[in-house]
Amino acid sequence: MACVPDEIVQRGKGKCQICNERDADAYWMASPEYFYVCQGCAVEKLPTLIVDSMRIMDRDRINTTLERVKSAFWRAATLRLLREVRNND
């Protein structure tokens, strides 16, 4: 799934599908639907989904998953920053 940042999401076009209160700040393209999420729910609720997806809850699995999440976060942040730099050139 690809995440599309808030500058591409048209405000009012999508409400957060988790809280259904705030406008979406980003969305993920899932075939054939879009999943809209606000920044607050992305930070507070999506980690719960990650934990719920773990079938075995032991220390090794938790630590491995946390390292994978941190790696994915920093990769996504780097890619987003690179896009912003390119867009400003």
Protein backbone atom coordinates (compact mmCIF):
# COMPACT_ATOMS: atom_id res chain seq x y z
CA MET A 1 0.00 0.00 0.00
CA ALA A 2 1.25 3.46 -0.82
CA CYS A 3 0.65 6.43 1.44
CA VAL A 4 -0.28 9.72 -0.17
CA PRO A 5 0.52 12.83 1.91
CA ASP A 6 -1.92 15.51 2.90
CA GLU A 7 -1.04 17.94 0.11
CA ILE A 8 -2.56 15.48 -2.36
CA VAL A 9 -5.67 14.70 -0.30
CA GLN A 10 -8.43 17.16 -1.08
CA ARG A 11 -9.79 18.45 2.21
CA GLY A 12 -13.42 17.53 2.67
CA LYS A 13 -13.17 14.75 0.12
CA GLY A 14 -12.30 12.19 2.76
CA LYS A 15 -13.02 11.94 6.47
CA CYS A 16 -10.82 9.86 8.72
CA GLN A 17 -12.22 6.35 8.58
CA ILE A 18 -11.06 5.59 12.11
CA CYS A 19 -12.55 8.50 14.10
CA ASN A 20 -14.98 9.72 11.41
CA GLU A 21 -14.59 13.23 12.86
CA ARG A 22 -11.55 14.92 11.36
CA ASP A 23 -10.65 15.47 7.73
CA ALA A 24 -8.13 12.99 6.38
CA ASP A 25 -4.51 14.09 6.27
CA ALA A 26 -3.42 11.13 4.15
CA TYR A 27 -4.78 8.03 2.55
CA TRP A 28 -3.54 4.61 1.59
CA MET A 29 -4.44 3.15 -1.77
CA ALA A 30 -5.78 -0.34 -1.28
CA SER A 31 -7.26 -2.11 -4.25
CA PRO A 32 -9.89 -1.02 -5.13
CA GLU A 33 -10.63 1.31 -2.18
CA TYR A 34 -8.88 4.17 -0.42
CA PHE A 35 -8.35 4.21 3.34
CA TYR A 36 -8.47 7.77 4.73
CA VAL A 37 -6.83 8.65 8.04
CA CYS A 38 -6.15 11.80 10.04
CA GLN A 39 -2.72 12.37 11.55
CA GLY A 40 -3.98 11.87 15.11
CA CYS A 41 -5.46 8.44 14.41
CA ALA A 42 -2.45 7.41 12.33
CA VAL A 43 -0.19 8.03 15.33
CA GLU A 44 -2.53 6.74 18.05
CA LYS A 45 -4.48 3.90 16.42
CA LEU A 46 -2.35 2.33 13.67
CA PRO A 47 0.24 1.01 16.16
CA THR A 48 -2.62 -0.89 17.82
CA LEU A 49 -3.39 -2.51 14.48
CA ILE A 50 0.24 -3.56 14.17
CA VAL A 51 0.19 -5.15 17.64
CA ASP A 52 -3.15 -6.82 16.96
CA SER A 53 -1.69 -8.36 13.80
CA MET A 54 1.01 -10.13 15.80
CA ARG A 55 -0.08 -13.70 16.41
CA ILE A 56 2.52 -14.58 19.01
CA MET A 57 3.17 -12.07 21.79
CA ASP A 58 6.60 -12.78 23.19
CA ARG A 59 9.56 -10.51 23.87
CA ASP A 60 11.44 -11.47 20.71
CA ARG A 61 8.43 -10.91 18.45
CA ILE A 62 7.65 -7.57 20.09
CA ASN A 63 11.25 -6.34 19.78
CA THR A 64 11.56 -7.53 16.17
CA THR A 65 8.27 -5.88 15.22
CA LEU A 66 9.24 -2.63 16.94
CA GLU A 67 12.54 -2.52 15.04
CA ARG A 68 10.72 -3.15 11.75
CA VAL A 69 8.21 -0.38 12.53
CA LYS A 70 11.00 2.08 13.39
CA SER A 71 12.86 1.20 10.21
CA ALA A 72 9.71 1.62 8.10
CA PHE A 73 8.94 4.95 9.80
CA TRP A 74 12.39 6.42 9.11
CA ARG A 75 12.37 5.14 5.54
CA ALA A 76 8.95 6.74 4.93
CA ALA A 77 10.06 10.01 6.58
CA THR A 78 13.18 10.11 4.40
CA LEU A 79 11.21 9.48 1.22
CA ARG A 80 8.70 12.18 2.17
CA LEU A 81 11.49 14.69 2.84
CA LEU A 82 13.10 13.86 -0.50
CA ARG A 83 9.78 14.44 -2.28
CA GLU A 84 9.40 17.81 -0.57
CA VAL A 85 12.95 18.85 -1.53
CA ARG A 86 12.32 17.85 -5.16
CA ASN A 87 9.02 19.72 -5.21
CA ASN A 88 10.72 22.88 -3.89
CA ASP A 89 13.45 22.84 -6.56
